[in-house]
Amino acid sequence: MGAGGAVAGTGAAAFQHLIKNQRPWYMQSRLVLLNVWIFVLLITSSTNGFDGSMMNGLQILPQWNQAFNNPTEGMLGLLAAIQNIGGLCALPFAPYMADGFGRRPTIFFGATLMIVATVLQTASQSVSMFIGARWLIGFGLTFANLAAPLLVTEIAYPTQRAQLTSVYNTLWYLGSIIAAWSTFGTFKLASSWAWRIPSALQGLPSVIQVAFIFLIPESPRWLVNKGREEQALKTLAYYHADGDENDPLVQFELEEIKAAIKFDKEISSNVGWSSLFTQRGNLRRLRIIVALAFFSQWSGNGLVSYFLGQVMNLLGITNKTTQLLVNGVLMIWNFIIALCAGFLCERVGRRPLFLISAVGMFVMWAVQTACLAVYSEKGILGAGHATMAFIFLYYAFYDIAFTPLIVSYTVEILPYHLRAKGFTVFNFAVTLSLIFNQYVNPIALKHITWKYYIVYLVWLAVECVYLYVFIIETKHHSLEETAALFDGEDALKNTTVATKDVHSDSTDEKYVAT
């Protein structure tokens, strides 16, 4: 944490004075277009969010339960977990495709698989067919879900990078909202279309991506790494400087990318998987990345994300319409809180947001557990309603950091050559934690009821301590310069030496800090 202060003057200052402050970004047509393309990438997360909320809704629908022989405990766990098992199978291949063929082809491949899978899911005639389709959704999602946030963080305008990358995971809730309310809307259909329509809608983000992905610019960092510097320069100039290849900001970005990639190659004879586990700076990154992955799923949120119907049954809320309505309102609440928090990451900082989030979750979960215990042991209706209220408050604190920041923080602390591989480790840890949760949660919830909440309460206390000790602040640093926070001052000097002349000659009065 002390490393942050040593380079505080080089992060934002290194590029802020190069940025034209003549018009807001929304009055610059090419920046608007860039952000439209970024939105197309961001909705990858919506497919994943759609799935969690859809499975919540389908478990409430009598039509779905009848179609699949009223699945319970173990089968429910399998139906929820199979998508993540599919994702786990794709993880060994996704980073090689993203680094070898490019970010865009990887997203296209994943989105195409998801379209095929959602067609199969919608047409399912048996539980085996439904499970197979969900496995394929998870397999395809891994490719798109790996490459999309990498491309967002690598093409975004410097002052918007952190906020836009933070929006990536926030749009998980956009998918959840669509799923929750489409399930609510089809609830009264007497036929199997009550669950087939939500299943079909899950493929909508993938259809949009397949249609537009090759209009989106490829990562300048990937292009430079492949020796295509001229194309990288044109991409940066077109979107970041209205086509001016001599713009000081564009020159600074290109030289910084080149210097960082060159330095990565020089300091490591092996930029493969082994360097993640053998270099001190990368080990520092790993202890944060893996912890955030497990914390994001083992903070108690898994109980509500996939098994809200069972939780409400414990609280005496058994009316199916009410359950679907609560599911829909909760997703909107989460989306609003997470979106607002994501845009605060550069003002407040990552570290304060993580700490506020963890401590707030611990307090809300403790009160929620107490209320649930009172309701379960004494049957006091007010305690049950209070538990539902504290679920909303708990999620407000969860959404402050663990929705918007876990993806953006992970990709920004990884150097280019390890970004895809390190993000794969993150996704692997998330998938493992999800599979465990989705098998264990429904069984534990049924057999030990409210006492299961105490396990998460203890774990949340562990999270608070861990985050306080290990989370490092990264605000106001460019994507390449965050290496100094983990690899030391030598990394910073080598990254910035090639760009020194670029920004030292750019003090023209039309370039001012924003």
Protein backbone atom coordinates (compact mmCIF):
# COMPACT_ATOMS: atom_id res chain seq x y z
CA MET A 1 0.00 0.00 0.00
CA GLY A 2 2.94 2.25 0.56
CA ALA A 3 3.95 1.94 -3.08
CA GLY A 4 1.12 4.18 -4.14
CA GLY A 5 2.60 7.30 -2.70
CA ALA A 6 5.91 6.88 -4.46
CA VAL A 7 4.40 7.30 -7.86
CA ALA A 8 1.44 9.49 -7.14
CA GLY A 9 2.82 12.31 -9.20
CA THR A 10 3.39 10.25 -12.33
CA GLY A 11 0.05 8.51 -12.84
CA ALA A 12 -2.65 11.01 -13.68
CA ALA A 13 -0.18 13.81 -14.36
CA ALA A 14 1.54 11.70 -17.00
CA PHE A 15 -1.37 12.04 -19.42
CA GLN A 16 -3.83 14.52 -17.93
CA HIS A 17 -2.06 17.57 -19.34
CA LEU A 18 -2.16 15.99 -22.80
CA ILE A 19 -5.93 15.78 -22.95
CA LYS A 20 -7.83 18.39 -24.92
CA ASN A 21 -10.33 20.18 -22.76
CA GLN A 22 -12.27 21.93 -25.50
CA ARG A 23 -15.51 19.95 -25.58
CA PRO A 24 -17.14 17.30 -23.38
CA TRP A 25 -16.73 13.75 -24.67
CA TYR A 26 -20.41 13.51 -25.64
CA MET A 27 -19.89 16.37 -28.10
CA GLN A 28 -17.02 14.53 -29.84
CA SER A 29 -18.51 12.18 -32.40
CA ARG A 30 -15.66 9.66 -32.45
CA LEU A 31 -15.56 9.37 -28.67
CA VAL A 32 -19.32 8.85 -28.70
CA LEU A 33 -18.88 6.13 -31.32
CA LEU A 34 -16.11 4.51 -29.27
CA ASN A 35 -18.35 4.42 -26.21
CA VAL A 36 -21.16 2.87 -28.29
CA TRP A 37 -18.76 0.09 -29.29
CA ILE A 38 -17.67 -0.29 -25.68
CA PHE A 39 -21.32 -0.71 -24.65
CA VAL A 40 -21.62 -3.58 -27.15
CA LEU A 41 -18.70 -5.21 -25.32
CA LEU A 42 -20.06 -4.43 -21.87
CA ILE A 43 -23.31 -6.32 -22.44
CA THR A 44 -21.35 -9.60 -22.41
CA SER A 45 -21.80 -9.49 -18.66
CA SER A 46 -25.57 -9.20 -19.14
CA THR A 47 -25.72 -12.77 -20.46
CA ASN A 48 -24.22 -14.04 -17.22
CA GLY A 49 -26.51 -11.88 -15.10
CA PHE A 50 -29.51 -12.99 -17.12
CA ASP A 51 -28.71 -16.59 -16.25
CA GLY A 52 -28.63 -16.12 -12.49
CA SER A 53 -31.92 -14.24 -12.36
CA MET A 54 -33.56 -16.50 -14.94
CA MET A 55 -32.77 -19.61 -12.89
CA ASN A 56 -34.24 -17.87 -9.85
CA GLY A 57 -37.39 -17.12 -11.79
CA LEU A 58 -37.68 -20.53 -13.43
CA GLN A 59 -37.51 -22.28 -10.04
CA ILE A 60 -40.58 -20.28 -9.03
CA LEU A 61 -42.53 -21.07 -12.24
CA PRO A 62 -44.86 -24.12 -11.91
CA GLN A 63 -44.64 -24.62 -15.70
CA TRP A 64 -40.87 -25.10 -15.57
CA ASN A 65 -41.00 -27.37 -12.53
CA GLN A 66 -43.61 -29.57 -14.20
CA ALA A 67 -41.61 -29.75 -17.44
CA PHE A 68 -38.52 -30.99 -15.58
CA ASN A 69 -40.15 -33.25 -12.97
CA ASN A 70 -39.98 -30.83 -10.02
CA PRO A 71 -36.18 -30.83 -9.44
CA THR A 72 -35.00 -30.59 -5.83
CA GLU A 73 -31.73 -30.04 -3.93
CA GLY A 74 -29.10 -31.98 -5.90
CA MET A 75 -30.76 -31.52 -9.31
CA LEU A 76 -31.35 -27.82 -8.62
CA GLY A 77 -27.69 -27.52 -7.73
CA LEU A 78 -26.68 -29.24 -10.98
CA LEU A 79 -29.01 -27.08 -13.08
CA ALA A 80 -27.54 -23.94 -11.52
CA ALA A 81 -23.92 -25.12 -11.61
CA ILE A 82 -23.76 -26.72 -15.05
CA GLN A 83 -23.19 -23.40 -16.82
CA ASN A 84 -20.14 -22.79 -14.66
CA ILE A 85 -18.92 -26.33 -15.29
CA GLY A 86 -19.10 -25.53 -19.01
CA GLY A 87 -17.16 -22.35 -18.34
CA LEU A 88 -14.53 -24.29 -16.42
CA CYS A 89 -14.00 -26.57 -19.43
CA ALA A 90 -13.32 -23.54 -21.68
CA LEU A 91 -10.83 -21.81 -19.39
CA PRO A 92 -7.71 -23.68 -20.63
CA PHE A 93 -8.36 -22.46 -24.20
CA ALA A 94 -9.79 -18.93 -23.86
CA PRO A 95 -6.59 -16.98 -22.95
CA TYR A 96 -4.62 -18.51 -25.84
CA MET A 97 -7.33 -17.51 -28.30
CA ALA A 98 -7.53 -13.97 -26.87
CA ASP A 99 -3.75 -13.48 -27.04
CA GLY A 100 -3.19 -15.39 -30.28
CA PHE A 101 -6.12 -14.45 -32.52
CA GLY A 102 -7.19 -11.18 -30.91
CA ARG A 103 -9.88 -9.94 -28.57
CA ARG A 104 -12.56 -9.52 -31.27
CA PRO A 105 -12.43 -13.05 -32.79
CA THR A 106 -12.57 -14.51 -29.28
CA ILE A 107 -15.73 -12.55 -28.46
CA PHE A 108 -17.27 -13.52 -31.82
CA PHE A 109 -16.55 -17.21 -31.21
CA GLY A 110 -18.02 -17.13 -27.71
CA ALA A 111 -21.12 -15.17 -28.75
CA THR A 112 -21.80 -17.56 -31.64
CA LEU A 113 -21.68 -20.57 -29.31
CA MET A 114 -24.07 -18.84 -26.92
CA ILE A 115 -26.59 -18.16 -29.68
CA VAL A 116 -26.59 -21.86 -30.63
CA ALA A 117 -26.88 -22.83 -26.96
CA THR A 118 -29.83 -20.54 -26.22
CA VAL A 119 -31.70 -21.97 -29.21
CA LEU A 120 -31.15 -25.47 -27.78
CA GLN A 121 -32.15 -24.31 -24.29
CA THR A 122 -35.36 -22.75 -25.59
CA ALA A 123 -36.23 -25.89 -27.56
CA SER A 124 -35.43 -28.30 -24.70
CA GLN A 125 -37.71 -31.31 -24.46
CA SER A 126 -36.00 -32.97 -21.50
CA VAL A 127 -33.93 -32.05 -18.49
CA SER A 128 -30.86 -33.60 -20.16
CA MET A 129 -31.25 -31.32 -23.18
CA PHE A 130 -31.69 -28.30 -20.91
CA ILE A 131 -28.55 -29.21 -18.95
CA GLY A 132 -26.54 -29.71 -22.15
CA ALA A 133 -27.63 -26.34 -23.52
CA ARG A 134 -26.66 -24.60 -20.28
CA TRP A 135 -23.24 -26.29 -20.38
CA LEU A 136 -22.69 -24.90 -23.89
CA ILE A 137 -23.80 -21.42 -22.77
CA GLY A 138 -21.14 -21.53 -20.07
CA PHE A 139 -18.49 -22.77 -22.52
CA GLY A 140 -19.15 -19.96 -24.98
CA LEU A 141 -19.57 -17.32 -22.29
CA THR A 142 -16.06 -17.97 -21.00
CA PHE A 143 -14.49 -16.89 -24.30
CA ALA A 144 -16.56 -13.72 -24.56
CA ASN A 145 -16.37 -12.98 -20.85
CA LEU A 146 -12.57 -13.22 -20.89
CA ALA A 147 -11.92 -11.07 -23.96
CA ALA A 148 -14.60 -8.37 -23.60
CA PRO A 149 -13.34 -6.62 -20.43
CA LEU A 150 -9.77 -6.81 -21.74
CA LEU A 151 -10.80 -5.04 -24.93
CA VAL A 152 -12.82 -2.44 -23.00
CA THR A 153 -9.90 -1.50 -20.76
CA GLU A 154 -7.47 -1.48 -23.72
CA ILE A 155 -9.45 0.80 -26.07
CA ALA A 156 -11.20 3.16 -23.64
CA TYR A 157 -10.25 6.85 -23.48
CA PRO A 158 -7.72 7.29 -20.63
CA THR A 159 -9.93 9.38 -18.33
CA GLN A 160 -12.89 7.02 -18.84
CA ARG A 161 -11.12 3.66 -18.62
CA ALA A 162 -11.68 2.93 -14.93
CA GLN A 163 -15.33 3.94 -14.93
CA LEU A 164 -16.22 2.07 -18.13
CA THR A 165 -14.44 -1.10 -17.07
CA SER A 166 -16.25 -0.88 -13.74
CA VAL A 167 -19.57 -0.74 -15.61
CA TYR A 168 -18.73 -4.13 -17.19
CA ASN A 169 -19.64 -6.27 -14.20
CA THR A 170 -22.41 -3.84 -13.23
CA LEU A 171 -24.28 -4.78 -16.41
CA TRP A 172 -24.65 -8.23 -14.89
CA TYR A 173 -27.71 -6.67 -13.29
CA LEU A 174 -29.06 -5.38 -16.60
CA GLY A 175 -29.35 -9.00 -17.69
CA SER A 176 -30.84 -9.85 -14.31
CA ILE A 177 -33.47 -7.14 -14.66
CA ILE A 178 -34.52 -8.33 -18.11
CA ALA A 179 -34.65 -11.95 -16.92
CA ALA A 180 -36.56 -11.18 -13.73
CA TRP A 181 -39.21 -9.08 -15.40
CA SER A 182 -39.58 -11.28 -18.48
CA THR A 183 -40.18 -14.23 -16.14
CA PHE A 184 -42.67 -12.13 -14.19
CA GLY A 185 -44.38 -11.19 -17.46
CA THR A 186 -44.68 -14.78 -18.71
CA PHE A 187 -45.74 -16.23 -15.35
CA LYS A 188 -49.41 -16.44 -16.25
CA LEU A 189 -48.89 -18.16 -19.59
CA ALA A 190 -50.38 -21.62 -19.30
CA SER A 191 -47.98 -23.23 -21.76
CA SER A 192 -44.24 -24.00 -21.70
CA TRP A 193 -43.62 -20.60 -23.30
CA ALA A 194 -43.73 -19.28 -19.75
CA TRP A 195 -40.12 -20.49 -19.43
CA ARG A 196 -39.13 -20.75 -23.11
CA ILE A 197 -39.48 -17.00 -23.74
CA PRO A 198 -37.02 -16.03 -20.96
CA SER A 199 -34.68 -18.77 -22.22
CA ALA A 200 -34.73 -17.32 -25.73
CA LEU A 201 -34.08 -13.77 -24.50
CA GLN A 202 -30.81 -14.91 -22.93
CA GLY A 203 -29.26 -14.95 -26.41
CA LEU A 204 -30.10 -11.31 -27.22
CA PRO A 205 -26.75 -9.77 -26.11
CA SER A 206 -24.87 -12.38 -28.15
CA VAL A 207 -26.91 -11.60 -31.27
CA ILE A 208 -26.02 -7.91 -30.91
CA GLN A 209 -22.33 -8.74 -30.49
CA VAL A 210 -22.15 -11.06 -33.50
CA ALA A 211 -23.75 -8.31 -35.61
CA PHE A 212 -21.32 -5.55 -34.59
CA ILE A 213 -18.11 -7.09 -33.23
CA PHE A 214 -15.96 -6.56 -36.32
CA LEU A 215 -16.90 -2.88 -36.50
CA ILE A 216 -15.29 -2.44 -33.06
CA PRO A 217 -11.56 -1.53 -33.03
CA GLU A 218 -9.06 -4.22 -32.03
CA SER A 219 -6.91 -3.62 -28.95
CA PRO A 220 -3.97 -1.28 -29.72
CA ARG A 221 -1.94 -3.23 -27.16
CA TRP A 222 -2.62 -6.51 -28.96
CA LEU A 223 -1.72 -4.86 -32.28
CA VAL A 224 1.58 -3.50 -30.92
CA ASN A 225 2.42 -6.89 -29.46
CA LYS A 226 1.87 -8.43 -32.90
CA GLY A 227 4.15 -5.85 -34.58
CA ARG A 228 1.28 -3.88 -36.12
CA GLU A 229 2.23 -0.50 -34.63
CA GLU A 230 0.96 1.53 -37.58
CA GLN A 231 -2.54 0.07 -37.20
CA ALA A 232 -2.41 0.66 -33.44
CA LEU A 233 -1.46 4.30 -34.05
CA LYS A 234 -4.34 4.77 -36.49
CA THR A 235 -6.80 3.23 -33.99
CA LEU A 236 -5.65 5.45 -31.12
CA ALA A 237 -5.62 8.54 -33.33
CA TYR A 238 -9.06 7.89 -34.83
CA TYR A 239 -10.87 7.42 -31.53
CA HIS A 240 -8.78 9.44 -29.06
CA ALA A 241 -7.74 12.47 -31.18
CA ASP A 242 -10.11 12.90 -34.14
CA GLY A 243 -7.64 11.17 -36.44
CA ASP A 244 -4.58 13.27 -35.58
CA GLU A 245 -1.67 10.80 -35.43
CA ASN A 246 0.68 13.52 -34.13
CA ASP A 247 -1.55 14.40 -31.20
CA PRO A 248 0.60 14.39 -28.02
CA LEU A 249 -1.88 12.16 -26.15
CA VAL A 250 -1.83 9.57 -28.94
CA GLN A 251 1.96 9.66 -29.14
CA PHE A 252 2.19 9.28 -25.37
CA GLU A 253 -0.21 6.31 -25.32
CA LEU A 254 1.59 4.53 -28.16
CA GLU A 255 5.06 5.05 -26.68
CA GLU A 256 3.87 3.96 -23.23
CA ILE A 257 2.32 0.79 -24.67
CA LYS A 258 5.48 0.01 -26.65
CA ALA A 259 7.71 0.63 -23.63
CA ALA A 260 5.57 -1.50 -21.31
CA ILE A 261 5.40 -4.43 -23.74
CA LYS A 262 9.14 -4.20 -24.44
CA PHE A 263 9.89 -4.12 -20.71
CA ASP A 264 7.66 -7.13 -20.09
CA LYS A 265 9.57 -9.11 -22.70
CA GLU A 266 12.98 -8.02 -21.40
CA ILE A 267 12.43 -8.78 -17.71
CA SER A 268 10.83 -12.16 -18.27
CA SER A 269 12.16 -14.86 -20.53
CA ASN A 270 8.90 -16.67 -19.88
CA VAL A 271 5.67 -14.71 -19.98
CA GLY A 272 3.62 -17.88 -19.77
CA TRP A 273 1.78 -19.34 -16.83
CA SER A 274 4.89 -19.97 -14.73
CA SER A 275 5.69 -16.25 -14.44
CA LEU A 276 2.40 -15.77 -12.60
CA PHE A 277 3.71 -17.97 -9.80
CA THR A 278 7.44 -17.22 -9.78
CA GLN A 279 7.75 -13.41 -9.79
CA ARG A 280 7.19 -11.46 -6.60
CA GLY A 281 5.05 -8.74 -8.20
CA ASN A 282 2.80 -11.32 -9.85
CA LEU A 283 2.40 -13.23 -6.60
CA ARG A 284 1.20 -9.98 -5.02
CA ARG A 285 -1.32 -9.69 -7.82
CA LEU A 286 -2.45 -13.29 -7.48
CA ARG A 287 -3.18 -13.08 -3.76
CA ILE A 288 -5.53 -10.19 -4.51
CA ILE A 289 -7.10 -11.60 -7.68
CA VAL A 290 -7.88 -15.05 -6.27
CA ALA A 291 -9.20 -13.57 -3.02
CA LEU A 292 -11.51 -11.16 -4.85
CA ALA A 293 -12.82 -14.02 -7.00
CA PHE A 294 -13.81 -16.11 -3.99
CA PHE A 295 -15.03 -13.10 -1.98
CA SER A 296 -17.31 -12.07 -4.85
CA GLN A 297 -19.20 -15.38 -4.56
CA TRP A 298 -18.71 -16.43 -0.94
CA SER A 299 -20.02 -13.29 0.74
CA GLY A 300 -23.52 -14.69 1.13
CA ASN A 301 -24.76 -13.26 -2.15
CA GLY A 302 -24.89 -16.74 -3.68
CA LEU A 303 -27.86 -17.60 -1.47
CA VAL A 304 -29.98 -14.86 -3.04
CA SER A 305 -28.47 -14.80 -6.53
CA TYR A 306 -29.51 -18.37 -7.37
CA PHE A 307 -31.87 -19.51 -4.58
CA LEU A 308 -34.03 -16.49 -3.77
CA GLY A 309 -37.19 -18.61 -3.92
CA GLN A 310 -35.91 -20.93 -1.18
CA VAL A 311 -34.80 -17.99 0.97
CA MET A 312 -38.26 -16.39 0.72
CA ASN A 313 -39.87 -19.71 1.57
CA LEU A 314 -37.84 -19.67 4.80
CA LEU A 315 -39.27 -16.20 5.48
CA GLY A 316 -42.85 -17.30 4.92
CA ILE A 317 -43.15 -15.45 1.59
CA THR A 318 -44.60 -18.26 -0.49
CA ASN A 319 -46.85 -16.44 -2.97
CA LYS A 320 -45.28 -17.00 -6.42
CA THR A 321 -46.30 -13.60 -7.80
CA THR A 322 -44.78 -11.86 -4.78
CA GLN A 323 -41.56 -13.85 -5.12
CA LEU A 324 -41.20 -12.92 -8.78
CA LEU A 325 -41.97 -9.27 -7.98
CA VAL A 326 -39.34 -9.14 -5.23
CA ASN A 327 -36.81 -10.75 -7.58
CA GLY A 328 -37.44 -8.04 -10.21
CA VAL A 329 -37.29 -5.11 -7.77
CA LEU A 330 -34.09 -6.43 -6.17
CA MET A 331 -32.32 -6.54 -9.55
CA ILE A 332 -33.25 -2.91 -10.31
CA TRP A 333 -32.04 -1.85 -6.84
CA ASN A 334 -28.73 -3.64 -7.37
CA PHE A 335 -28.20 -2.14 -10.82
CA ILE A 336 -28.72 1.45 -9.62
CA ILE A 337 -26.37 1.12 -6.62
CA ALA A 338 -23.64 -0.66 -8.59
CA LEU A 339 -23.76 1.78 -11.49
CA CYS A 340 -23.42 4.79 -9.18
CA ALA A 341 -20.56 3.17 -7.24
CA GLY A 342 -18.69 2.26 -10.43
CA PHE A 343 -18.51 5.89 -11.50
CA LEU A 344 -17.03 6.84 -8.11
CA CYS A 345 -13.94 4.64 -8.43
CA GLU A 346 -11.67 7.47 -9.61
CA ARG A 347 -13.01 9.98 -7.08
CA VAL A 348 -13.22 7.86 -3.95
CA GLY A 349 -10.62 5.23 -4.85
CA ARG A 350 -10.74 1.46 -5.04
CA ARG A 351 -9.43 0.73 -1.54
CA PRO A 352 -12.03 2.82 0.36
CA LEU A 353 -14.85 1.35 -1.72
CA PHE A 354 -13.72 -2.22 -1.01
CA LEU A 355 -13.45 -1.55 2.73
CA ILE A 356 -16.81 0.23 2.95
CA SER A 357 -18.38 -2.64 1.03
CA ALA A 358 -16.90 -5.41 3.20
CA VAL A 359 -17.65 -3.80 6.57
CA GLY A 360 -21.16 -2.85 5.46
CA MET A 361 -21.89 -6.41 4.29
CA PHE A 362 -20.69 -7.82 7.60
CA VAL A 363 -22.97 -5.53 9.62
CA MET A 364 -26.02 -6.07 7.39
CA TRP A 365 -25.50 -9.84 7.29
CA ALA A 366 -25.21 -9.98 11.08
CA VAL A 367 -28.52 -8.16 11.53
CA GLN A 368 -30.11 -10.23 8.76
CA THR A 369 -29.00 -13.45 10.46
CA ALA A 370 -30.40 -12.30 13.80
CA CYS A 371 -33.78 -11.41 12.25
CA LEU A 372 -33.95 -14.73 10.40
CA ALA A 373 -33.15 -16.61 13.61
CA VAL A 374 -35.92 -14.81 15.48
CA TYR A 375 -38.42 -15.52 12.73
CA SER A 376 -37.39 -19.18 12.41
CA GLU A 377 -37.39 -19.88 16.16
CA LYS A 378 -40.31 -17.74 17.31
CA GLY A 379 -42.35 -17.16 14.15
CA ILE A 380 -42.52 -13.38 14.59
CA LEU A 381 -43.73 -12.08 11.21
CA GLY A 382 -42.07 -8.68 11.63
CA ALA A 383 -38.67 -10.37 11.94
CA GLY A 384 -39.25 -12.16 8.62
CA HIS A 385 -40.14 -8.90 6.87
CA ALA A 386 -37.11 -7.21 8.46
CA THR A 387 -34.88 -9.97 7.06
CA MET A 388 -36.15 -9.16 3.57
CA ALA A 389 -35.40 -5.47 4.11
CA PHE A 390 -31.86 -6.23 5.28
CA ILE A 391 -31.29 -8.36 2.18
CA PHE A 392 -31.76 -5.16 0.17
CA LEU A 393 -29.43 -3.20 2.48
CA TYR A 394 -26.86 -5.98 2.39
CA TYR A 395 -26.87 -5.89 -1.40
CA ALA A 396 -26.43 -2.12 -1.39
CA PHE A 397 -23.07 -2.60 0.35
CA TYR A 398 -22.15 -5.57 -1.84
CA ASP A 399 -22.79 -3.45 -4.93
CA ILE A 400 -20.49 -0.65 -3.78
CA ALA A 401 -17.37 -2.65 -4.66
CA PHE A 402 -17.98 -6.31 -5.44
CA THR A 403 -20.16 -5.68 -8.45
CA PRO A 404 -18.32 -2.86 -10.25
CA LEU A 405 -14.70 -3.30 -9.16
CA ILE A 406 -13.75 -6.97 -9.15
CA VAL A 407 -13.33 -7.14 -12.94
CA SER A 408 -11.94 -3.64 -13.50
CA TYR A 409 -9.47 -3.93 -10.62
CA THR A 410 -8.29 -7.35 -11.77
CA VAL A 411 -7.56 -6.35 -15.38
CA GLU A 412 -5.92 -3.04 -14.49
CA ILE A 413 -3.36 -4.51 -12.08
CA LEU A 414 -2.19 -7.11 -14.63
CA PRO A 415 0.53 -6.23 -17.20
CA TYR A 416 -0.35 -6.79 -20.86
CA HIS A 417 1.41 -10.14 -21.35
CA LEU A 418 -0.31 -11.63 -18.32
CA ARG A 419 -3.66 -9.88 -18.59
CA ALA A 420 -5.53 -12.69 -20.35
CA LYS A 421 -3.85 -15.42 -18.30
CA GLY A 422 -4.32 -13.61 -14.98
CA PHE A 423 -7.96 -12.89 -15.80
CA THR A 424 -8.37 -16.57 -16.62
CA VAL A 425 -7.11 -17.42 -13.12
CA PHE A 426 -9.69 -14.98 -11.75
CA ASN A 427 -12.49 -16.59 -13.78
CA PHE A 428 -11.29 -20.05 -12.77
CA ALA A 429 -11.51 -19.11 -9.08
CA VAL A 430 -14.95 -17.53 -9.60
CA THR A 431 -16.18 -20.66 -11.37
CA LEU A 432 -14.89 -22.98 -8.65
CA SER A 433 -16.55 -20.88 -5.95
CA LEU A 434 -19.82 -20.79 -7.91
CA ILE A 435 -19.89 -24.54 -8.50
CA PHE A 436 -19.31 -25.15 -4.79
CA ASN A 437 -22.02 -22.65 -3.83
CA GLN A 438 -24.58 -23.96 -6.26
CA TYR A 439 -24.22 -27.53 -5.07
CA VAL A 440 -23.88 -26.81 -1.36
CA ASN A 441 -26.21 -23.84 -0.79
CA PRO A 442 -29.59 -25.48 -1.59
CA ILE A 443 -28.72 -28.57 0.46
CA ALA A 444 -27.32 -26.67 3.45
CA LEU A 445 -30.17 -24.17 3.37
CA LYS A 446 -32.75 -26.94 3.57
CA HIS A 447 -31.07 -28.96 6.33
CA ILE A 448 -29.62 -26.34 8.69
CA THR A 449 -31.83 -23.39 7.65
CA TRP A 450 -30.91 -20.06 9.26
CA LYS A 451 -27.81 -21.44 11.02
CA TYR A 452 -26.13 -21.67 7.62
CA TYR A 453 -26.02 -17.86 7.63
CA ILE A 454 -23.50 -17.96 10.52
CA VAL A 455 -20.91 -19.59 8.21
CA TYR A 456 -21.03 -16.59 5.90
CA LEU A 457 -20.93 -14.18 8.82
CA VAL A 458 -17.59 -15.61 9.94
CA TRP A 459 -16.29 -15.55 6.37
CA LEU A 460 -17.27 -11.89 5.96
CA ALA A 461 -15.18 -11.03 9.02
CA VAL A 462 -12.20 -12.73 7.35
CA GLU A 463 -12.83 -10.71 4.19
CA CYS A 464 -12.73 -7.40 6.07
CA VAL A 465 -9.31 -8.16 7.55
CA TYR A 466 -7.87 -9.51 4.30
CA LEU A 467 -8.96 -6.53 2.21
CA TYR A 468 -7.60 -4.07 4.79
CA VAL A 469 -4.18 -5.74 4.67
CA PHE A 470 -3.75 -6.44 0.94
CA ILE A 471 -5.82 -4.11 -1.28
CA ILE A 472 -3.60 -1.51 -3.00
CA GLU A 473 -4.94 1.81 -4.30
CA THR A 474 -4.64 2.31 -8.09
CA LYS A 475 -6.65 5.45 -8.81
CA HIS A 476 -5.15 8.13 -11.07
CA HIS A 477 -2.66 5.74 -12.69
CA SER A 478 -2.59 4.86 -16.38
CA LEU A 479 -3.05 1.24 -17.36
CA GLU A 480 0.68 0.63 -17.88
CA GLU A 481 1.84 2.54 -14.80
CA THR A 482 -0.03 0.43 -12.28
CA ALA A 483 2.88 -2.02 -12.67
CA ALA A 484 4.90 0.24 -10.35
CA LEU A 485 2.53 -0.58 -7.52
CA PHE A 486 3.44 -4.26 -7.71
CA ASP A 487 6.79 -4.50 -9.51
CA GLY A 488 8.57 -1.50 -7.96
CA GLU A 489 10.10 1.73 -9.19
CA ASP A 490 12.26 0.06 -11.85
CA ALA A 491 9.12 -0.97 -13.68
CA LEU A 492 7.82 2.60 -13.55
CA LYS A 493 11.09 4.07 -14.84
CA ASN A 494 11.32 1.63 -17.73
CA THR A 495 7.67 2.18 -18.67
CA THR A 496 7.89 5.97 -18.67
CA VAL A 497 11.38 6.58 -20.04
CA ALA A 498 10.26 6.14 -23.65
CA THR A 499 7.38 8.56 -23.14
CA LYS A 500 9.33 11.27 -21.34
CA ASP A 501 10.00 13.38 -24.40
CA VAL A 502 6.41 13.04 -25.60
CA HIS A 503 4.75 14.69 -22.65
CA SER A 504 7.60 17.05 -21.78
CA ASP A 505 7.15 18.77 -25.16
CA SER A 506 3.37 18.98 -24.86
CA THR A 507 2.74 22.00 -22.71
CA ASP A 508 0.80 23.90 -25.34
CA GLU A 509 -1.89 25.90 -23.60
CA LYS A 510 -4.67 24.10 -25.45
CA TYR A 511 -3.85 20.98 -23.41
CA VAL A 512 -4.95 21.37 -19.84
CA ALA A 513 -5.85 19.02 -17.02
CA THR A 514 -9.41 17.76 -16.91
